[in-house]
Amino acid sequence: MDSKYIKAAVMSRRDINAELWVIRIKPEEKIPFQAGQYVTIGLPSGSKMLERPYSIASSPSQPELEFFLELVPHGELTPHLYDVPVGEEVFLRRSAKGRFVFDAASGHPNHFLVATVTGVAPYVSMVRDFAAREAQGERIPYHIALLQAASVSTELGYCEELGALAQERSWLDYIPTVSRIWMDPAWTGERGRAEDVARKHLDALGFTPFNTTAYICGNPVMVENVKGVLKRAGFPKESIKEEVYWVAESE
């Protein structure tokens, strides 16, 4: 095995629906990371390693790494990852990477986090990290609002956990929204795409371009649309952080 990889055992799996699942893996060596960063997962295929970066959903203080994964039927890696059972091994790059981390240096008291489906993973890591720090007696001096959008509610993999945390923590608001309501008639929460409801909640929370840092993660079309909403609201470029999960196809 190439020295740039380490082995990691799959410790648990939670299926969200037929295409989405959460795994927790334990690397043979600890991989330090900041909440919001990613680690590259790989599986050997012949003489090469199939690999892809995935945002970490666990907090830096947890011993295992958690990932929220989406099956891409014709993808190079995810169909193989999907079939890895609990107890088997995957390979990880030794170092976590990424600059999509919480921007405490901005000086802003408010932080507006927007995601589609698996794009919520880095935010879950951030929220878990703050919750763990608060449990140790640290005061959290921020107001964090997390807007997660999906087509249907079964794609909201962390809805229960985030909703419960928002009830318990004064510094957190969680806003799940569903766009294909005709496919999910029992849904009683917010309705619409992320870009359709973002401005509504910014205004309701009193989040302005002068006191807020915004983060956007997930579907590239959503990222561009929400970025447009923020720019029209007056947000400067330096107050908008983005993480695109794949490159949009050109028409």
Protein backbone atom coordinates (compact mmCIF):
# COMPACT_ATOMS: atom_id res chain seq x y z
CA MET A 1 0.00 0.00 0.00
CA ASP A 2 1.21 3.50 -0.86
CA SER A 3 2.49 5.32 2.23
CA LYS A 4 0.12 8.24 1.59
CA TYR A 5 -2.82 6.04 2.62
CA ILE A 6 -3.90 4.52 5.92
CA LYS A 7 -6.48 1.82 6.56
CA ALA A 8 -9.79 2.53 8.27
CA ALA A 9 -12.41 0.06 9.49
CA VAL A 10 -16.11 0.68 8.83
CA MET A 11 -17.61 0.68 12.34
CA SER A 12 -21.28 1.42 11.62
CA ARG A 13 -23.74 2.30 8.88
CA ARG A 14 -27.08 4.13 8.90
CA ASP A 15 -29.19 4.07 5.74
CA ILE A 16 -31.18 7.27 5.19
CA ASN A 17 -32.94 6.10 2.02
CA ALA A 18 -32.03 3.98 -1.01
CA GLU A 19 -29.33 6.41 -2.17
CA LEU A 20 -28.11 8.09 1.01
CA TRP A 21 -26.25 6.57 3.93
CA VAL A 22 -24.03 7.53 6.85
CA ILE A 23 -20.93 5.59 7.84
CA ARG A 24 -18.58 5.89 10.78
CA ILE A 25 -15.04 4.67 10.25
CA LYS A 26 -12.06 4.30 12.54
CA PRO A 27 -8.66 5.04 10.98
CA GLU A 28 -5.65 3.08 12.21
CA GLU A 29 -4.00 6.44 12.94
CA LYS A 30 -5.74 9.58 14.19
CA ILE A 31 -6.33 12.21 11.50
CA PRO A 32 -6.47 15.70 13.05
CA PHE A 33 -8.90 18.07 11.33
CA GLN A 34 -10.88 21.26 11.72
CA ALA A 35 -14.68 21.17 11.55
CA GLY A 36 -15.61 21.75 7.92
CA GLN A 37 -12.62 19.98 6.38
CA TYR A 38 -12.63 16.84 4.22
CA VAL A 39 -10.74 13.57 3.95
CA THR A 40 -10.21 11.57 0.76
CA ILE A 41 -11.60 8.01 0.85
CA GLY A 42 -10.28 5.38 -1.52
CA LEU A 43 -10.81 1.78 -2.59
CA PRO A 44 -8.30 -0.23 -4.65
CA SER A 45 -9.30 -1.25 -8.18
CA GLY A 46 -6.69 -3.28 -9.96
CA SER A 47 -3.45 -1.32 -9.96
CA LYS A 48 -5.02 2.02 -9.05
CA MET A 49 -6.88 3.60 -6.15
CA LEU A 50 -10.35 4.98 -6.78
CA GLU A 51 -10.72 7.98 -4.50
CA ARG A 52 -12.84 11.02 -3.78
CA PRO A 53 -12.90 13.72 -1.07
CA TYR A 54 -15.77 13.72 1.42
CA SER A 55 -16.59 16.29 4.09
CA ILE A 56 -16.33 15.02 7.65
CA ALA A 57 -19.55 15.15 9.69
CA SER A 58 -18.10 14.14 13.06
CA SER A 59 -16.58 16.70 15.42
CA PRO A 60 -12.79 16.90 15.81
CA SER A 61 -13.10 15.55 19.36
CA GLN A 62 -14.78 12.29 18.29
CA PRO A 63 -12.55 9.21 17.79
CA GLU A 64 -14.29 8.02 14.62
CA LEU A 65 -14.83 9.85 11.33
CA GLU A 66 -18.40 10.15 10.05
CA PHE A 67 -19.43 10.70 6.43
CA PHE A 68 -22.80 11.41 4.80
CA LEU A 69 -22.66 9.73 1.38
CA GLU A 70 -24.80 9.74 -1.74
CA LEU A 71 -24.86 6.88 -4.22
CA VAL A 72 -24.05 7.99 -7.76
CA PRO A 73 -25.24 4.95 -9.80
CA HIS A 74 -22.73 5.44 -12.61
CA GLY A 75 -20.02 6.96 -10.44
CA GLU A 76 -16.53 5.57 -10.26
CA LEU A 77 -16.33 5.17 -6.49
CA THR A 78 -19.70 5.40 -4.67
CA PRO A 79 -21.21 2.14 -6.06
CA HIS A 80 -18.22 0.31 -4.56
CA LEU A 81 -18.35 2.28 -1.29
CA TYR A 82 -22.05 1.51 -1.04
CA ASP A 83 -21.27 -2.21 -0.99
CA VAL A 84 -18.59 -2.07 1.73
CA PRO A 85 -20.09 -3.83 4.77
CA VAL A 86 -19.54 -2.98 8.42
CA GLY A 87 -16.28 -4.57 9.53
CA GLU A 88 -14.50 -4.17 6.21
CA GLU A 89 -11.81 -1.61 5.40
CA VAL A 90 -11.43 1.46 3.23
CA PHE A 91 -8.38 3.62 2.69
CA LEU A 92 -7.89 7.26 3.64
CA ARG A 93 -5.40 9.91 2.69
CA ARG A 94 -3.37 10.72 5.80
CA SER A 95 -4.23 14.42 5.98
CA ALA A 96 -7.49 16.33 6.19
CA LYS A 97 -7.71 19.33 3.89
CA GLY A 98 -9.98 22.22 3.01
CA ARG A 99 -10.57 25.88 3.82
CA PHE A 100 -14.32 25.63 4.28
CA VAL A 101 -14.12 26.13 8.04
CA PHE A 102 -15.92 28.38 10.50
CA ASP A 103 -14.73 31.97 10.02
CA ALA A 104 -14.27 33.22 13.57
CA ALA A 105 -11.78 35.79 12.30
CA SER A 106 -14.53 37.68 10.46
CA GLY A 107 -15.66 39.20 13.74
CA HIS A 108 -19.29 38.67 12.77
CA PRO A 109 -21.68 37.47 15.47
CA ASN A 110 -24.03 35.83 12.95
CA HIS A 111 -23.28 32.88 10.65
CA PHE A 112 -25.75 31.70 7.99
CA LEU A 113 -25.12 28.13 6.78
CA VAL A 114 -26.89 26.89 3.63
CA ALA A 115 -26.73 23.35 2.26
CA THR A 116 -28.38 20.82 -0.01
CA VAL A 117 -28.61 17.19 1.18
CA THR A 118 -25.07 15.83 1.84
CA GLY A 119 -23.71 19.38 1.79
CA VAL A 120 -24.87 19.60 5.39
CA ALA A 121 -21.96 17.37 6.53
CA PRO A 122 -19.39 20.12 7.27
CA TYR A 123 -22.06 22.06 9.16
CA VAL A 124 -22.92 19.01 11.26
CA SER A 125 -19.23 18.86 12.20
CA MET A 126 -19.23 22.55 13.13
CA VAL A 127 -22.42 22.32 15.20
CA ARG A 128 -21.24 19.17 16.98
CA ASP A 129 -17.93 20.87 17.71
CA PHE A 130 -19.61 23.91 19.24
CA ALA A 131 -21.99 21.69 21.24
CA ALA A 132 -19.05 19.70 22.62
CA ARG A 133 -17.18 22.88 23.51
CA GLU A 134 -20.25 24.30 25.24
CA ALA A 135 -20.60 21.07 27.22
CA GLN A 136 -17.07 21.68 28.48
CA GLY A 137 -18.12 25.08 29.80
CA GLU A 138 -17.21 27.31 26.84
CA ARG A 139 -19.62 30.09 25.94
CA ILE A 140 -20.58 30.13 22.26
CA PRO A 141 -20.63 33.82 21.22
CA TYR A 142 -22.35 33.30 17.86
CA HIS A 143 -25.83 33.03 16.41
CA ILE A 144 -25.78 30.22 13.86
CA ALA A 145 -28.66 29.52 11.46
CA LEU A 146 -28.50 26.36 9.35
CA LEU A 147 -30.75 26.18 6.29
CA GLN A 148 -30.82 22.69 4.75
CA ALA A 149 -32.73 22.13 1.52
CA ALA A 150 -33.80 18.87 -0.10
CA SER A 151 -36.33 17.65 -2.63
CA VAL A 152 -38.12 15.50 -0.03
CA SER A 153 -37.77 15.16 3.73
CA THR A 154 -36.24 11.67 3.55
CA GLU A 155 -33.09 13.34 2.19
CA LEU A 156 -32.64 15.37 5.39
CA GLY A 157 -30.29 12.88 7.03
CA TYR A 158 -29.62 14.88 10.21
CA CYS A 159 -33.00 16.54 10.61
CA GLU A 160 -33.82 14.99 13.99
CA GLU A 161 -30.39 15.61 15.51
CA LEU A 162 -30.16 19.19 14.28
CA GLY A 163 -33.74 19.93 15.28
CA ALA A 164 -33.10 18.63 18.79
CA LEU A 165 -29.86 20.59 19.11
CA ALA A 166 -31.63 23.76 17.98
CA GLN A 167 -34.22 23.22 20.72
CA GLU A 168 -31.46 22.82 23.32
CA ARG A 169 -28.96 25.46 22.21
CA SER A 170 -29.80 29.16 22.21
CA TRP A 171 -27.10 29.88 19.62
CA LEU A 172 -28.54 27.56 16.93
CA ASP A 173 -31.50 27.78 14.54
CA TYR A 174 -32.21 24.89 12.16
CA ILE A 175 -34.38 25.49 9.08
CA PRO A 176 -35.08 22.40 6.95
CA THR A 177 -36.94 23.04 3.69
CA VAL A 178 -38.46 20.73 1.08
CA SER A 179 -39.04 21.75 -2.55
CA ARG A 180 -41.02 18.85 -4.08
CA ILE A 181 -43.91 19.07 -1.68
CA TRP A 182 -46.22 17.15 -4.03
CA MET A 183 -43.97 14.12 -3.38
CA ASP A 184 -44.00 14.72 0.39
CA PRO A 185 -47.52 15.89 1.33
CA ALA A 186 -47.05 15.10 5.03
CA TRP A 187 -44.22 17.64 5.36
CA THR A 188 -45.26 20.58 7.54
CA GLY A 189 -42.02 22.56 7.62
CA GLU A 190 -40.60 25.25 5.34
CA ARG A 191 -41.30 24.82 1.63
CA GLY A 192 -39.16 25.85 -1.32
CA ARG A 193 -35.61 25.70 -2.62
CA ALA A 194 -32.78 27.14 -0.59
CA GLU A 195 -32.55 30.20 -2.81
CA ASP A 196 -36.32 30.73 -2.51
CA VAL A 197 -36.36 30.96 1.29
CA ALA A 198 -32.86 32.22 2.16
CA ARG A 199 -33.68 35.95 2.04
CA LYS A 200 -36.86 35.42 4.09
CA HIS A 201 -34.89 33.90 6.95
CA LEU A 202 -31.99 36.34 6.72
CA ASP A 203 -34.47 39.18 7.19
CA ALA A 204 -36.43 37.43 9.95
CA LEU A 205 -33.25 36.71 11.93
CA GLY A 206 -31.81 40.19 11.48
CA PHE A 207 -28.80 38.80 9.61
CA THR A 208 -27.37 41.63 7.51
CA PRO A 209 -24.29 42.02 5.27
CA PHE A 210 -22.70 44.01 8.10
CA ASN A 211 -23.03 41.40 10.85
CA THR A 212 -23.13 38.03 9.05
CA THR A 213 -20.84 35.53 7.36
CA ALA A 214 -22.61 33.22 4.91
CA TYR A 215 -21.59 29.70 3.91
CA ILE A 216 -22.97 27.70 0.95
CA CYS A 217 -22.30 23.99 0.37
CA GLY A 218 -23.62 21.33 -2.00
CA ASN A 219 -25.32 21.42 -5.40
CA PRO A 220 -23.44 23.85 -7.68
CA VAL A 221 -26.64 25.33 -9.12
CA MET A 222 -27.90 26.07 -5.60
CA VAL A 223 -24.53 27.54 -4.66
CA GLU A 224 -24.67 29.99 -7.55
CA ASN A 225 -28.33 30.88 -6.92
CA VAL A 226 -27.87 31.50 -3.20
CA LYS A 227 -24.71 33.47 -3.92
CA GLY A 228 -26.81 35.65 -6.21
CA VAL A 229 -29.40 36.18 -3.45
CA LEU A 230 -26.65 37.18 -1.01
CA LYS A 231 -24.96 39.55 -3.45
CA ARG A 232 -28.27 41.26 -4.24
CA ALA A 233 -28.79 41.64 -0.49
CA GLY A 234 -25.48 43.48 -0.29
CA PHE A 235 -23.14 40.77 1.00
CA PRO A 236 -19.52 41.46 0.01
CA LYS A 237 -17.48 38.68 -1.58
CA GLU A 238 -15.33 38.22 1.52
CA SER A 239 -18.42 37.44 3.62
CA ILE A 240 -19.50 34.52 1.41
CA LYS A 241 -17.74 31.16 1.72
CA GLU A 242 -18.61 28.33 -0.69
CA GLU A 243 -17.94 24.61 -1.14
CA VAL A 244 -19.15 23.11 -4.43
CA TYR A 245 -19.61 19.33 -4.32
CA TRP A 246 -19.32 18.75 -8.05
CA VAL A 247 -18.92 20.76 -11.22
CA ALA A 248 -22.16 21.68 -12.95
CA GLU A 249 -22.51 20.43 -16.52
CA SER A 250 -22.56 23.15 -19.16
CA GLU A 251 -25.65 23.33 -21.31
